[in-house]
């Protein structure tokens, strides 16, 4: 009888101990400095450990051995750091602030902030920057739907498609 009571009490303590509240890491709002190529002070060429330390609210991580060379996802903010390829992707559901309001902007209206594109395609424009390059992707209405920036120039960037 004592052993059954002891076992029941032990199980009750075990299950209540594993039900403790766990605090999820918090990040401040993401602020993208488009002209300096960083998010909250984090550049695309930071190591995965540096990114995770400065932005601890990531939702998923792919190892450097993965197809795209590693990635750190912030799915709730629509941001991905491709760590092996040293670029950042900002999607259409981005939650945060852009130093230059590019998302949803009309193609051809960024000359004052970015100059002329170095490379152009039907669906994107690539701009040389002081830190590397900035690529704007457009939807069928010629409005920005995605932003990528890298510390590498346009002739060296290796995108994961």
Protein backbone atom coordinates (compact mmCIF):
# COMPACT_ATOMS: atom_id res chain seq x y z
CA UNK A 1 0.00 0.00 0.00
CA UNK A 2 2.84 2.38 0.89
CA UNK A 3 4.59 1.67 -2.42
CA UNK A 4 1.41 2.49 -4.43
CA UNK A 5 0.97 5.73 -2.51
CA UNK A 6 4.65 6.59 -2.99
CA UNK A 7 4.45 5.79 -6.72
CA UNK A 8 1.33 7.94 -7.15
CA UNK A 9 2.91 10.84 -5.28
CA UNK A 10 6.13 10.52 -7.31
CA UNK A 11 4.22 10.54 -10.63
CA UNK A 12 2.20 13.58 -9.55
CA UNK A 13 5.39 15.48 -8.70
CA UNK A 14 7.07 14.37 -11.96
CA UNK A 15 4.20 15.53 -14.19
CA UNK A 16 3.77 18.84 -12.38
CA UNK A 17 7.52 19.52 -12.68
CA UNK A 18 7.49 18.94 -16.44
CA UNK A 19 4.53 21.30 -16.85
CA UNK A 20 6.53 24.35 -15.80
CA UNK A 21 6.12 27.50 -17.83
CA UNK A 22 8.84 28.12 -20.37
CA UNK A 23 9.68 31.64 -21.49
CA UNK A 24 9.97 32.15 -25.24
CA UNK A 25 12.82 34.51 -26.23
CA UNK A 26 11.58 37.92 -27.27
CA UNK A 27 12.97 40.22 -29.92
CA UNK A 28 12.22 43.86 -30.42
CA UNK A 29 10.53 44.84 -33.66
CA UNK A 30 12.73 44.20 -36.67
CA UNK A 31 14.15 47.38 -38.17
CA UNK A 32 15.77 46.88 -41.57
CA UNK A 33 18.43 49.43 -42.48
CA UNK A 34 18.24 49.03 -46.24
CA UNK A 35 21.13 51.40 -46.98
CA UNK A 36 23.49 49.69 -44.50
CA UNK A 37 22.30 46.10 -45.09
CA UNK A 38 21.33 45.00 -41.60
CA UNK A 39 18.40 44.00 -39.42
CA UNK A 40 18.61 45.27 -35.84
CA UNK A 41 22.37 45.63 -36.32
CA UNK A 42 22.80 42.09 -37.74
CA UNK A 43 24.49 41.80 -41.15
CA UNK A 44 23.98 38.84 -43.52
CA UNK A 45 27.59 37.70 -43.09
CA UNK A 46 27.28 37.16 -39.32
CA UNK A 47 27.80 33.58 -38.15
CA UNK A 48 24.74 31.53 -37.16
CA UNK A 49 25.78 31.82 -33.49
CA UNK A 50 26.00 35.61 -33.73
CA UNK A 51 22.58 35.84 -35.41
CA UNK A 52 20.95 33.56 -32.83
CA UNK A 53 22.50 35.55 -29.97
CA UNK A 54 21.43 38.96 -31.29
CA UNK A 55 18.02 37.78 -32.57
CA UNK A 56 16.99 34.91 -30.24
CA UNK A 57 13.37 34.74 -31.43
CA UNK A 58 14.08 32.53 -34.48
CA UNK A 59 11.50 29.86 -35.29
CA UNK A 60 13.64 27.29 -37.12
CA UNK A 61 17.26 26.58 -38.08
CA UNK A 62 18.71 24.57 -40.96
CA UNK A 63 22.30 23.32 -40.57
CA UNK A 64 25.12 24.58 -42.78
CA UNK A 65 25.12 21.16 -44.45
CA UNK A 66 21.61 21.66 -45.86
CA UNK A 67 20.82 22.28 -49.53
CA UNK A 68 21.02 26.08 -49.23
CA UNK A 69 24.04 26.14 -46.92
CA UNK A 70 22.14 26.83 -43.71
CA UNK A 71 19.34 29.16 -42.75
CA UNK A 72 17.79 30.81 -39.72
CA UNK A 73 14.06 31.41 -40.05
CA UNK A 74 11.87 34.03 -38.44
CA UNK A 75 8.62 32.71 -39.94
CA UNK A 76 6.37 34.92 -37.83
CA UNK A 77 8.16 37.98 -39.28
CA UNK A 78 8.71 36.58 -42.83
CA UNK A 79 12.51 36.90 -42.65
CA UNK A 80 15.21 34.32 -43.46
CA UNK A 81 18.97 34.62 -42.95
CA UNK A 82 20.76 32.30 -45.41
CA UNK A 83 23.93 31.89 -43.36
CA UNK A 84 26.01 29.83 -45.78
CA UNK A 85 25.24 32.12 -48.72
CA UNK A 86 25.35 35.33 -46.69
CA UNK A 87 22.10 36.98 -47.68
CA UNK A 88 18.78 37.91 -46.09
CA UNK A 89 15.33 37.43 -47.59
CA UNK A 90 12.39 39.57 -46.53
CA UNK A 91 8.99 38.32 -47.69
CA UNK A 92 5.69 40.07 -48.38
CA UNK A 93 4.31 39.42 -44.88
CA UNK A 94 7.25 41.17 -43.21
CA UNK A 95 6.44 42.55 -39.79
CA UNK A 96 8.75 45.41 -38.94
CA UNK A 97 10.08 48.69 -40.29
CA UNK A 98 12.15 49.46 -43.37
CA UNK A 99 14.44 52.50 -43.36
CA UNK A 100 13.44 53.02 -47.00
CA UNK A 101 9.80 51.96 -47.57
CA UNK A 102 10.42 49.49 -50.41
CA UNK A 103 7.82 46.77 -49.75
CA UNK A 104 4.81 47.39 -51.97
CA UNK A 105 6.57 50.26 -53.71
CA UNK A 106 6.22 50.74 -57.46
CA UNK A 107 9.08 49.70 -59.75
CA UNK A 108 11.13 52.62 -61.01
CA UNK A 109 10.45 54.90 -58.03
CA UNK A 110 13.60 54.12 -56.01
CA UNK A 111 16.20 56.13 -57.96
CA UNK A 112 16.55 58.81 -55.28
CA UNK A 113 17.33 56.24 -52.56
CA UNK A 114 19.09 53.50 -54.54
CA UNK A 115 20.23 54.94 -57.87
CA UNK A 116 19.92 52.98 -61.11
CA UNK A 117 19.79 49.18 -60.97
CA UNK A 118 23.01 47.40 -61.90
CA UNK A 119 21.11 44.43 -63.32
CA UNK A 120 17.51 44.20 -64.49
CA UNK A 121 15.21 41.33 -65.35
CA UNK A 122 11.52 41.02 -66.07
CA UNK A 123 10.73 40.27 -62.40
CA UNK A 124 13.59 41.88 -60.45
CA UNK A 125 16.15 44.69 -60.19
CA UNK A 126 19.55 44.40 -58.50
CA UNK A 127 21.29 47.41 -57.01
CA UNK A 128 24.95 47.71 -55.98
CA UNK A 129 25.26 49.07 -52.45
CA UNK A 130 28.11 50.10 -50.15
CA UNK A 131 27.80 46.75 -48.35
CA UNK A 132 27.14 44.46 -51.36
CA UNK A 133 23.86 44.26 -53.23
CA UNK A 134 20.11 44.68 -52.86
CA UNK A 135 17.62 42.79 -55.03
CA UNK A 136 13.97 43.80 -55.35
CA UNK A 137 11.45 41.28 -56.71
CA UNK A 138 8.21 42.49 -58.26
CA UNK A 139 4.71 41.08 -58.58
CA UNK A 140 2.53 41.29 -61.69
CA UNK A 141 1.50 44.85 -60.72
CA UNK A 142 5.22 45.88 -60.69
CA UNK A 143 5.22 46.38 -56.92
CA UNK A 144 7.92 45.04 -54.59
CA UNK A 145 6.91 41.64 -53.18
CA UNK A 146 10.27 40.45 -51.80
CA UNK A 147 13.63 41.95 -50.83
CA UNK A 148 17.00 40.24 -50.67
CA UNK A 149 20.26 41.83 -49.61
CA UNK A 150 23.77 40.50 -49.28
CA UNK A 151 27.27 41.54 -48.32
CA UNK A 152 28.38 40.08 -51.66
CA UNK A 153 28.22 42.00 -54.95
CA UNK A 154 25.82 40.99 -57.72
CA UNK A 155 28.47 38.99 -59.60
CA UNK A 156 29.26 36.84 -56.53
CA UNK A 157 25.92 36.27 -54.82
CA UNK A 158 24.65 32.69 -54.86
CA UNK A 159 20.89 32.52 -54.26
CA UNK A 160 18.97 29.48 -53.10
CA UNK A 161 16.15 28.86 -55.57
